[in-house]
Protein backbone atom coordinates (compact mmCIF):
# COMPACT_ATOMS: atom_id res chain seq x y z
CA MET A 1 22.87 14.84 29.71
CA THR A 2 24.64 14.76 26.14
CA ARG A 3 27.14 12.50 24.43
CA THR A 4 29.13 14.64 22.15
CA ASP A 5 30.91 11.94 19.96
CA ARG A 6 28.97 11.03 16.69
CA GLU A 7 28.52 7.54 15.44
CA HIS A 8 28.15 7.31 11.63
CA LEU A 9 26.22 4.39 10.05
CA ASP A 10 25.39 3.60 6.35
CA VAL A 11 22.00 2.79 7.23
CA LEU A 12 19.60 4.13 9.86
CA ILE A 13 16.29 2.24 10.53
CA VAL A 14 13.68 3.78 12.78
CA GLY A 15 11.49 1.38 14.20
CA ALA A 16 11.80 -2.12 15.27
CA GLY A 17 8.41 -3.42 14.51
CA VAL A 18 7.45 -5.73 11.52
CA SER A 19 8.50 -3.15 9.20
CA GLY A 20 11.95 -2.26 10.71
CA ILE A 21 12.57 -5.89 11.42
CA GLY A 22 11.88 -6.76 7.63
CA ALA A 23 13.90 -4.05 6.38
CA ALA A 24 16.94 -5.07 8.28
CA HIS A 25 16.53 -8.62 6.87
CA HIS A 26 16.97 -7.37 3.51
CA LEU A 27 19.70 -5.02 4.44
CA ARG A 28 21.53 -8.06 5.68
CA ALA A 29 20.73 -10.13 2.82
CA ARG A 30 21.49 -7.47 -0.08
CA PHE A 31 24.20 -5.44 1.52
CA PRO A 32 25.90 -7.53 4.16
CA ASP A 33 28.95 -5.17 4.52
CA ARG A 34 26.57 -2.19 5.39
CA THR A 35 26.83 -0.80 8.94
CA PHE A 36 23.31 -0.09 10.38
CA ALA A 37 21.12 0.40 13.67
CA ILE A 38 17.69 0.15 14.25
CA LEU A 39 16.29 2.66 16.92
CA GLU A 40 13.25 1.84 18.75
CA ALA A 41 11.60 4.16 21.23
CA GLN A 42 10.05 1.36 23.15
CA ASP A 43 11.59 -1.06 25.57
CA ALA A 44 11.12 -4.15 23.30
CA ARG A 45 10.68 -5.18 19.76
CA GLY A 46 7.16 -5.73 17.89
CA GLY A 47 5.83 -2.22 17.33
CA THR A 48 2.01 -2.80 17.43
CA TRP A 49 2.32 -6.19 19.03
CA TRP A 50 4.39 -4.80 21.67
CA THR A 51 1.86 -1.93 22.43
CA HIS A 52 -1.25 -3.88 22.12
CA ARG A 53 -1.69 -5.72 25.51
CA PHE A 54 -5.21 -5.81 25.56
CA PRO A 55 -7.19 -9.10 26.20
CA GLY A 56 -7.48 -11.23 23.13
CA ALA A 57 -4.96 -9.34 21.05
CA ARG A 58 -4.46 -11.18 17.94
CA SER A 59 -3.79 -10.70 14.14
CA ASP A 60 -6.67 -9.22 12.01
CA SER A 61 -4.91 -10.81 9.06
CA ASP A 62 -3.82 -14.48 8.17
CA LEU A 63 -0.28 -15.10 9.24
CA PHE A 64 0.58 -16.60 6.07
CA THR A 65 0.33 -13.57 4.16
CA TYR A 66 1.27 -11.10 7.07
CA GLY A 67 4.19 -13.24 7.81
CA TYR A 68 7.63 -12.45 5.91
CA ARG A 69 8.14 -13.78 2.45
CA HIS A 70 11.43 -15.40 3.47
CA LYS A 71 10.28 -16.90 6.85
CA PRO A 72 7.50 -19.59 6.70
CA TRP A 73 4.73 -19.29 9.35
CA VAL A 74 3.84 -22.23 11.21
CA GLY A 75 0.46 -22.23 13.26
CA PRO A 76 -3.00 -21.26 12.70
CA SER A 77 -3.64 -18.49 10.30
CA ILE A 78 -4.94 -16.25 12.92
CA ALA A 79 -2.63 -15.87 15.91
CA ALA A 80 -2.40 -14.12 19.16
CA GLY A 81 -0.06 -11.12 19.66
CA GLY A 82 2.39 -13.40 21.56
CA ALA A 83 3.01 -15.89 19.13
CA ILE A 84 3.62 -13.04 16.62
CA LEU A 85 6.30 -11.69 18.88
CA ASP A 86 7.78 -15.23 19.13
CA TYR A 87 7.87 -15.10 15.18
CA LEU A 88 9.70 -11.78 15.25
CA ASP A 89 12.16 -13.24 17.73
CA GLU A 90 13.13 -15.99 15.55
CA VAL A 91 13.81 -13.70 12.62
CA ILE A 92 15.83 -11.49 15.13
CA GLU A 93 17.80 -14.63 16.19
CA GLU A 94 18.26 -16.03 12.51
CA ASP A 95 19.56 -12.76 11.13
CA ASP A 96 21.67 -11.96 14.11
CA LEU A 97 19.95 -8.42 14.40
CA ALA A 98 19.84 -8.33 18.22
CA GLY A 99 23.06 -6.42 18.37
CA HIS A 100 21.76 -3.69 15.86
CA ILE A 101 18.46 -2.98 17.81
CA ARG A 102 18.74 -0.07 20.42
CA TYR A 103 15.57 -0.01 22.63
CA HIS A 104 14.62 3.12 24.33
CA HIS A 105 16.06 5.33 21.66
CA ARG A 106 13.48 8.05 20.53
CA VAL A 107 14.42 10.05 17.50
CA THR A 108 13.54 13.75 18.17
CA ALA A 109 14.73 15.36 14.92
CA LEU A 110 16.37 14.32 11.72
CA SER A 111 17.97 16.74 9.25
CA TRP A 112 19.72 16.20 5.92
CA SER A 113 23.04 17.86 4.81
CA SER A 114 23.48 18.02 1.01
CA GLU A 115 27.10 19.16 1.87
CA GLU A 116 27.96 16.11 3.74
CA HIS A 117 25.43 13.88 2.05
CA ARG A 118 24.23 12.42 5.41
CA TRP A 119 21.28 12.50 7.81
CA THR A 120 21.80 13.67 11.34
CA ALA A 121 19.43 12.10 14.04
CA GLU A 122 18.91 13.67 17.38
CA VAL A 123 17.91 10.91 19.63
CA THR A 124 16.72 10.75 23.35
CA ARG A 125 17.16 7.78 25.56
CA THR A 126 13.89 7.38 27.14
CA ASP A 127 15.40 5.26 30.01
CA THR A 128 18.11 7.95 31.05
CA ASP A 129 17.28 11.13 29.44
CA GLU A 130 20.70 11.06 27.58
CA ARG A 131 20.98 12.75 24.13
CA VAL A 132 22.66 11.09 21.44
CA THR A 133 23.52 12.34 17.92
CA LEU A 134 24.03 9.71 15.17
CA THR A 135 24.51 10.24 11.38
CA ALA A 136 23.52 7.92 8.53
CA SER A 137 23.99 7.93 4.88
CA PHE A 138 20.74 6.70 4.25
CA LEU A 139 17.45 6.73 6.52
CA TRP A 140 14.85 4.03 6.32
CA MET A 141 11.68 5.09 8.09
CA CYS A 142 9.79 2.07 9.57
CA GLN A 143 8.17 3.69 12.54
CA GLY A 144 4.65 2.48 11.69
CA TYR A 145 1.68 4.56 10.84
CA TYR A 146 0.08 5.61 14.16
CA ASN A 147 0.87 7.43 17.38
CA HIS A 148 1.62 4.69 19.97
CA ASP A 149 1.80 7.11 22.98
CA GLU A 150 -1.50 8.82 22.27
CA PRO A 151 -4.57 7.13 21.19
CA TYR A 152 -7.42 8.55 19.53
CA THR A 153 -10.61 9.27 21.99
CA PRO A 154 -13.30 11.63 21.42
CA GLU A 155 -14.59 14.14 24.11
CA TRP A 156 -17.77 12.94 25.65
CA PRO A 157 -19.39 15.17 28.21
CA GLY A 158 -19.54 13.73 31.64
CA THR A 159 -16.63 11.62 31.65
CA ASP A 160 -15.47 13.37 34.78
CA ARG A 161 -18.48 12.30 36.67
CA TYR A 162 -18.34 8.67 35.56
CA ALA A 163 -17.75 6.55 38.45
CA GLY A 164 -16.31 3.45 36.73
CA THR A 165 -13.03 2.79 34.76
CA ILE A 166 -12.45 4.05 31.13
CA VAL A 167 -9.69 2.60 29.37
CA HIS A 168 -8.30 2.61 25.75
CA PRO A 169 -7.06 -0.77 24.39
CA GLN A 170 -3.94 1.11 23.31
CA ALA A 171 -3.18 1.71 26.87
CA TRP A 172 -4.43 -1.30 28.70
CA PRO A 173 -3.44 -1.52 32.57
CA ALA A 174 -1.69 -4.58 33.41
CA ASP A 175 -3.86 -4.61 36.62
CA LEU A 176 -7.22 -4.14 35.39
CA ASP A 177 -9.46 -7.01 36.40
CA HIS A 178 -12.98 -7.03 34.21
CA THR A 179 -14.06 -10.37 35.72
CA GLY A 180 -17.68 -10.55 36.62
CA ARG A 181 -18.03 -6.71 35.73
CA ARG A 182 -20.42 -5.06 33.31
CA VAL A 183 -18.33 -3.82 30.46
CA LEU A 184 -19.14 -1.36 27.65
CA VAL A 185 -17.11 -1.52 24.56
CA ILE A 186 -17.29 1.90 22.24
CA GLY A 187 -16.35 0.94 18.69
CA SER A 188 -17.03 -1.82 16.27
CA GLY A 189 -14.02 -2.18 14.36
CA ALA A 190 -10.87 -4.75 14.43
CA THR A 191 -10.07 -4.08 17.88
CA ALA A 192 -13.75 -4.60 19.23
CA ALA A 193 -14.20 -7.60 17.22
CA THR A 194 -10.86 -8.87 19.16
CA LEU A 195 -12.03 -7.40 22.72
CA VAL A 196 -15.53 -8.39 23.00
CA PRO A 197 -15.39 -12.02 22.81
CA ALA A 198 -12.29 -12.25 24.70
CA LEU A 199 -13.60 -9.97 27.69
CA ALA A 200 -17.15 -12.03 27.45
CA LYS A 201 -15.17 -15.08 28.65
CA SER A 202 -15.23 -13.66 32.42
CA ALA A 203 -17.15 -10.43 32.38
CA ASP A 204 -20.77 -10.29 33.70
CA HIS A 205 -21.95 -8.95 30.22
CA VAL A 206 -20.07 -7.30 27.45
CA THR A 207 -22.32 -4.53 25.22
CA MET A 208 -20.68 -3.23 22.20
CA LEU A 209 -21.89 0.17 21.27
CA GLN A 210 -21.55 1.30 17.76
CA ARG A 211 -22.40 4.40 15.86
CA SER A 212 -22.96 2.55 12.72
CA PRO A 213 -22.28 -1.25 11.79
CA SER A 214 -19.03 -2.61 10.43
CA TYR A 215 -18.61 -5.27 7.84
CA TRP A 216 -17.43 -8.93 9.35
CA PHE A 217 -16.25 -11.97 8.21
CA PRO A 218 -16.25 -15.16 10.21
CA SER A 219 -12.75 -16.54 9.05
CA PRO A 220 -11.48 -19.88 10.62
CA LYS A 221 -8.60 -19.83 12.68
CA VAL A 222 -7.26 -22.74 10.98
CA HIS A 223 -7.81 -22.82 7.18
CA GLU A 224 -9.58 -26.00 5.82
CA LEU A 225 -6.70 -26.45 3.29
CA ALA A 226 -4.34 -26.36 6.13
CA THR A 227 -6.20 -29.23 7.92
CA MET A 228 -6.06 -31.04 4.57
CA LEU A 229 -2.21 -30.52 4.08
CA GLU A 230 -1.26 -31.51 7.57
CA PRO A 231 -1.33 -35.41 7.11
CA LEU A 232 1.14 -34.97 4.07
CA GLN A 233 3.90 -33.71 6.37
CA LEU A 234 4.91 -31.19 3.92
CA PRO A 235 7.94 -29.14 4.48
CA PRO A 236 6.92 -25.73 6.19
CA ASP A 237 8.10 -23.68 3.37
CA TRP A 238 5.86 -25.72 0.96
CA THR A 239 2.75 -25.47 3.35
CA HIS A 240 3.40 -21.77 3.77
CA GLU A 241 3.67 -21.01 0.21
CA ILE A 242 0.59 -22.94 -0.70
CA LEU A 243 -1.58 -21.18 2.13
CA ARG A 244 -0.12 -17.80 1.24
CA ARG A 245 -1.16 -18.24 -2.29
CA GLN A 246 -4.56 -19.36 -1.17
CA TYR A 247 -5.08 -16.54 0.97
CA THR A 248 -3.74 -14.02 -1.58
CA GLN A 249 -6.13 -15.47 -4.08
CA GLN A 250 -8.92 -14.76 -1.57
CA LEU A 251 -7.84 -11.25 -1.21
CA ASP A 252 -7.67 -10.55 -4.81
CA TRP A 253 -11.30 -11.63 -5.07
CA LEU A 254 -12.60 -9.65 -2.27
CA ALA A 255 -10.41 -6.65 -3.90
CA ALA A 256 -11.83 -7.21 -7.45
CA VAL A 257 -15.52 -7.96 -6.37
CA GLY A 258 -15.42 -4.81 -3.95
CA HIS A 259 -14.58 -2.50 -6.64
CA GLU A 260 -16.55 -4.19 -9.74
CA ASP A 261 -19.68 -5.42 -7.74
CA PRO A 262 -20.14 -4.26 -4.46
CA ASP A 263 -23.51 -5.47 -4.24
CA GLN A 264 -22.28 -9.01 -4.68
CA LEU A 265 -19.49 -8.49 -2.02
CA HIS A 266 -22.18 -7.10 0.40
CA THR A 267 -24.34 -10.17 -0.26
CA PHE A 268 -21.62 -12.49 0.36
CA LEU A 269 -20.51 -11.10 3.79
CA MET A 270 -24.17 -10.58 5.13
CA ASP A 271 -24.83 -14.39 4.23
CA ALA A 272 -22.01 -15.43 5.96
CA ILE A 273 -22.80 -13.96 9.24
CA THR A 274 -26.52 -13.90 8.94
CA PRO A 275 -26.74 -17.85 10.21
CA LEU A 276 -24.27 -16.93 13.18
CA LEU A 277 -26.39 -14.19 14.75
CA PRO A 278 -28.74 -14.72 17.54
CA GLU A 279 -32.51 -15.28 16.54
CA GLY A 280 -34.51 -12.20 16.17
CA THR A 281 -31.46 -9.75 15.50
CA ASP A 282 -32.32 -6.56 13.76
CA ILE A 283 -29.83 -7.12 10.82
CA GLU A 284 -30.69 -3.95 9.28
CA LYS A 285 -30.06 -1.76 12.31
CA HIS A 286 -27.09 -3.62 13.75
CA PHE A 287 -25.20 -5.45 11.14
CA THR A 288 -25.78 -3.49 7.93
CA PRO A 289 -23.07 -0.57 7.25
CA ARG A 290 -23.57 2.72 5.52
CA TYR A 291 -20.72 2.35 3.37
CA ARG A 292 -19.73 0.45 0.45
CA PRO A 293 -17.83 -2.84 1.29
CA TRP A 294 -13.88 -2.64 0.77
CA GLN A 295 -14.26 1.16 1.53
CA GLN A 296 -12.97 0.19 4.95
CA ARG A 297 -11.24 -3.01 6.33
CA ILE A 298 -13.39 -6.05 6.94
CA ALA A 299 -13.16 -7.25 10.56
CA ILE A 300 -12.17 -10.85 10.96
CA VAL A 301 -14.22 -12.95 13.65
CA PRO A 302 -12.04 -15.82 14.04
CA ASP A 303 -14.37 -19.03 14.11
CA GLY A 304 -17.07 -16.61 14.59
CA ASP A 305 -16.45 -16.13 18.18
CA LEU A 306 -18.02 -12.73 18.26
CA PHE A 307 -21.36 -13.79 17.25
CA GLU A 308 -20.97 -17.20 19.46
CA ALA A 309 -20.79 -14.60 22.51
CA MET A 310 -24.02 -12.67 21.33
CA ARG A 311 -25.67 -16.18 20.89
CA ASP A 312 -24.88 -17.27 24.47
CA GLY A 313 -25.97 -13.94 25.76
CA ARG A 314 -22.66 -12.98 26.92
CA ALA A 315 -22.27 -10.17 24.69
CA SER A 316 -24.89 -7.60 22.88
CA VAL A 317 -25.04 -4.75 20.58
CA VAL A 318 -26.25 -1.41 20.71
CA THR A 319 -26.64 1.06 17.82
CA ASP A 320 -26.76 4.47 18.84
CA THR A 321 -24.76 7.58 19.41
CA ILE A 322 -23.42 9.11 22.78
CA THR A 323 -25.13 11.78 24.24
CA GLU A 324 -23.26 12.00 27.85
CA PHE A 325 -21.61 9.91 30.49
CA THR A 326 -23.51 9.49 33.67
CA GLU A 327 -22.30 8.39 37.13
CA GLU A 328 -23.56 4.79 36.14
CA GLY A 329 -22.60 4.57 32.43
CA VAL A 330 -23.40 6.14 28.95
CA ARG A 331 -26.42 7.59 27.98
CA VAL A 332 -27.37 7.19 24.30
CA SER A 333 -29.52 9.59 22.18
CA SER A 334 -32.41 7.13 22.89
CA GLY A 335 -32.18 8.19 26.50
CA GLU A 336 -31.37 4.74 27.67
CA VAL A 337 -28.39 4.50 30.05
CA LEU A 338 -25.90 1.60 29.29
CA GLU A 339 -24.79 0.85 32.77
CA ALA A 340 -20.99 -0.50 33.05
CA ASP A 341 -18.23 -1.01 35.61
CA VAL A 342 -15.62 -0.42 33.00
CA VAL A 343 -15.95 1.29 29.59
CA VAL A 344 -13.38 0.58 27.01
CA THR A 345 -12.79 3.19 24.38
CA ALA A 346 -12.21 1.02 21.03
CA THR A 347 -12.22 4.26 19.12
CA GLY A 348 -9.01 3.86 17.11
CA PHE A 349 -5.91 5.82 16.99
CA ASP A 350 -4.52 8.83 15.04
CA LEU A 351 -2.03 8.63 11.98
CA SER A 352 1.48 9.72 12.70
CA VAL A 353 3.45 11.30 9.89
CA PHE A 354 6.90 9.80 10.04
CA GLY A 355 6.45 9.41 13.61
CA ASP A 356 5.75 13.08 14.06
CA ILE A 357 9.54 13.60 13.94
CA PRO A 358 10.57 17.17 12.82
CA PHE A 359 12.41 16.67 9.51
CA ALA A 360 14.70 19.44 7.86
CA VAL A 361 16.51 19.59 4.59
CA ASP A 362 19.44 21.85 4.33
CA GLY A 363 18.11 23.77 7.41
CA GLU A 364 14.54 24.02 5.84
CA PRO A 365 11.77 22.47 7.71
CA VAL A 366 9.91 19.68 5.62
CA ASP A 367 6.13 20.06 5.60
CA PHE A 368 4.89 16.53 4.57
CA SER A 369 1.70 17.87 3.64
CA GLN A 370 3.22 19.71 0.45
CA ARG A 371 5.24 17.04 -0.44
CA VAL A 372 4.32 14.00 -3.17
CA THR A 373 4.95 10.19 -2.48
CA TRP A 374 7.10 8.21 -5.01
CA HIS A 375 5.45 4.75 -5.48
CA GLY A 376 4.37 5.06 -1.62
CA MET A 377 7.93 4.75 -0.55
CA MET A 378 9.86 7.80 -0.85
CA ILE A 379 8.96 11.73 -0.74
CA SER A 380 9.69 14.26 -3.33
CA GLY A 381 12.35 16.60 -2.39
CA VAL A 382 13.84 14.35 0.56
CA PRO A 383 17.14 12.96 -0.40
CA ASN A 384 18.03 9.31 0.77
CA MET A 385 15.04 8.60 2.68
CA ALA A 386 12.81 5.57 2.00
CA TYR A 387 9.66 4.62 4.41
CA ALA A 388 7.64 1.51 4.76
CA PHE A 389 4.07 1.66 4.78
CA GLY A 390 2.09 -1.44 4.05
CA TYR A 391 -1.66 -2.20 3.23
CA PHE A 392 -4.62 -1.39 5.31
CA ARG A 393 -7.17 -3.99 3.85
CA HIS A 394 -4.50 -6.47 3.06
CA SER A 395 -1.66 -7.96 5.11
CA TRP A 396 0.62 -4.93 5.83
CA THR A 397 3.84 -7.07 5.33
CA LEU A 398 2.66 -8.04 1.60
CA ARG A 399 3.59 -4.51 0.66
CA VAL A 400 6.54 -4.01 3.02
CA ASP A 401 8.27 -6.91 1.22
CA LEU A 402 7.88 -5.45 -2.07
CA VAL A 403 9.02 -1.73 -0.99
CA ASN A 404 12.11 -3.46 0.43
CA ASP A 405 13.13 -4.97 -2.74
CA VAL A 406 12.75 -1.61 -4.57
CA VAL A 407 14.57 0.24 -1.97
CA ALA A 408 17.42 -2.41 -2.36
CA ARG A 409 17.36 -1.73 -6.12
CA ILE A 410 17.58 2.09 -5.40
CA VAL A 411 20.73 1.45 -3.26
CA GLU A 412 22.15 -0.72 -5.73
CA ARG A 413 21.78 1.98 -8.62
CA MET A 414 23.40 4.23 -6.39
CA GLY A 415 26.27 2.01 -6.14
CA GLU A 416 26.19 1.43 -10.09
CA ARG A 417 26.27 5.31 -10.69
CA GLY A 418 28.89 6.36 -8.01
CA ALA A 419 26.08 8.53 -6.60
CA ARG A 420 25.91 9.66 -2.76
CA THR A 421 22.48 11.01 -3.17
CA VAL A 422 19.14 9.81 -4.48
CA VAL A 423 16.05 12.11 -4.23
CA PRO A 424 12.50 12.06 -5.93
CA GLU A 425 12.03 15.04 -7.96
CA LEU A 426 8.85 15.85 -10.21
CA ARG A 427 9.74 15.43 -13.91
CA PRO A 428 9.15 18.37 -16.42
CA GLN A 429 5.72 16.41 -17.64
CA ASP A 430 4.50 16.61 -14.09
CA ALA A 431 4.47 20.29 -14.00
CA ASP A 432 0.72 20.63 -14.18
CA MET A 433 0.01 17.29 -12.33
CA GLU A 434 -3.17 17.26 -10.27
CA LEU A 435 -2.12 16.71 -6.80
CA ARG A 436 -4.67 14.33 -4.70
CA GLU A 437 -5.09 13.56 -1.11
CA TRP A 438 -3.17 10.81 0.10
CA SER A 439 -6.15 8.64 0.38
CA ASP A 440 -9.28 8.92 -1.96
CA PRO A 441 -12.26 8.65 0.46
CA GLU A 442 -14.05 7.08 -2.36
CA ASN A 443 -11.83 4.02 -2.11
CA PHE A 444 -10.89 4.07 1.54
CA ASN A 445 -12.46 6.13 4.13
CA PRO A 446 -12.08 4.92 7.59
CA ASN A 447 -12.21 7.88 10.00
CA TYR A 448 -8.58 7.56 11.27
CA VAL A 449 -7.70 8.38 7.79
CA LEU A 450 -10.09 11.34 6.90
CA ARG A 451 -9.11 12.72 10.45
CA SER A 452 -5.46 12.98 9.23
CA GLN A 453 -5.78 13.95 5.50
CA ASP A 454 -4.58 17.47 5.96
CA ARG A 455 -1.29 16.27 7.63
CA MET A 456 -0.28 13.46 5.17
CA PHE A 457 1.77 13.87 1.86
CA LYS A 458 0.12 13.98 -1.45
CA GLN A 459 -0.18 11.72 -4.43
CA GLY A 460 -0.53 12.47 -8.10
CA ASP A 461 -2.69 11.44 -11.02
CA ARG A 462 -0.03 9.03 -12.61
CA GLU A 463 2.64 6.98 -11.65
CA PRO A 464 5.52 7.15 -9.98
CA TRP A 465 3.47 9.56 -7.57
CA THR A 466 0.89 7.05 -6.68
CA HIS A 467 0.15 5.13 -3.29
CA MET A 468 -2.42 2.84 -1.73
CA GLN A 469 -2.75 0.45 -4.81
CA GLU A 470 -4.16 -3.07 -4.10
CA TYR A 471 -1.81 -5.95 -3.87
CA ALA A 472 -2.94 -7.41 -7.16
CA HIS A 473 -1.52 -4.31 -8.89
CA ASP A 474 1.59 -3.76 -6.60
CA ARG A 475 2.89 -7.38 -6.87
CA THR A 476 3.44 -6.89 -10.69
CA ALA A 477 3.95 -3.08 -10.81
CA LEU A 478 6.68 -2.45 -8.04
CA PRO A 479 9.04 -5.28 -9.11
CA GLU A 480 8.83 -3.65 -12.42
CA ALA A 481 9.42 -0.19 -11.09
CA ASP A 482 11.76 2.05 -13.14
CA VAL A 483 14.10 3.24 -10.34
CA ASP A 484 15.31 6.21 -12.60
CA ASP A 485 11.64 7.47 -13.29
CA GLY A 486 11.41 10.50 -11.28
CA LEU A 487 14.63 9.72 -9.22
CA SER A 488 17.63 11.82 -9.32
CA TYR A 489 20.99 10.37 -8.60
CA ARG A 490 23.97 12.68 -7.75
């Protein structure tokens, strides 16, 4: 079924997760007269927090920096997914955004016309199969960074003969009961750090199987500073700002030491977990990573709950590689079979380049792997399009807020110049610029990034063509970014 009428909007936002809702807030605050809509393929808001429904799903960042700059977070520093959805609902209500969000709207193609100075979005209603066409003067891509529909799962021999249940956390069945059952969790990243202690509360036993160890940090759910401030009964925005600055200082320290003295950071992280591990643990084998600290995200363990489950004997860790699945469980390279009734493949996700939506500019398909980013928020040769991409090692939203500020300045500059189009274009001095991978493996090297390098856009060796900076850099550099440098208005 196709609807032929075309609605035109000033701004089209793709995605109603943390990034899209944040972008809409900035749009309402800075440009209250602009018409806009938020298209969301899922049936509710939240993005990651709507997709992730596995036991114990919670933040892996403190909420005082993960929450929006304009909206004080009230509650523990580490919160469950439901509390984060409640927070987003409050933002939607306060900004009167509900009427602008269109659920079940999956964007299937985006094309730009220089003649018309507008984007055309082809959309399919996931609930009715109706096809809708929208046009917009400006496109704001806030669809997130991974494929919500198809999680990453390696191929292992023998999965077809395994008699138990295999489930990926990203597609957790609502009716899966693990009570009293033996559970094997494959992986040791942030998702495993959440799942293992949650499952261990009612499972017979939970085994975490890892190829190699990760770095962990036993952070308190409630910061000791928050406990000190509570009797003072400060206004929520005061408490929010104080704790936001405290956590930012902590992030700055981790980033600085991770780059300047990784051995010191390694010692700090190992000293933090060693007293919490079961007596006799082989720390070298199970808890000493092969990579430099800060090359990957440090997994948060609220109040050390993962290690508590291990001390109590409800959970354990095996470090080995998978040879095959058997009828009873998983055989590892040592020859041991880890018997399990449920196998959870906490093996990560695949990065998605702008939702894997086909883009075209004036009829020519856009190959993003041949394009260059402008400050990690626009793409060379792609007009009137901004995108939200946060941090991996810091709170995602810290960067989203900064990006939204710059996008607002760009839109204001368009108005000042009477321009209908803004497009990043390499400058004459960039003709011989070295093009680098989207993510430097020496800086950040988790598998989900390395698997996707060939599909992602490039960055240059100089500003404004760089990406993936630390917050300590961006919070000064982005507010000062020259919105004329590398951008053409016409």
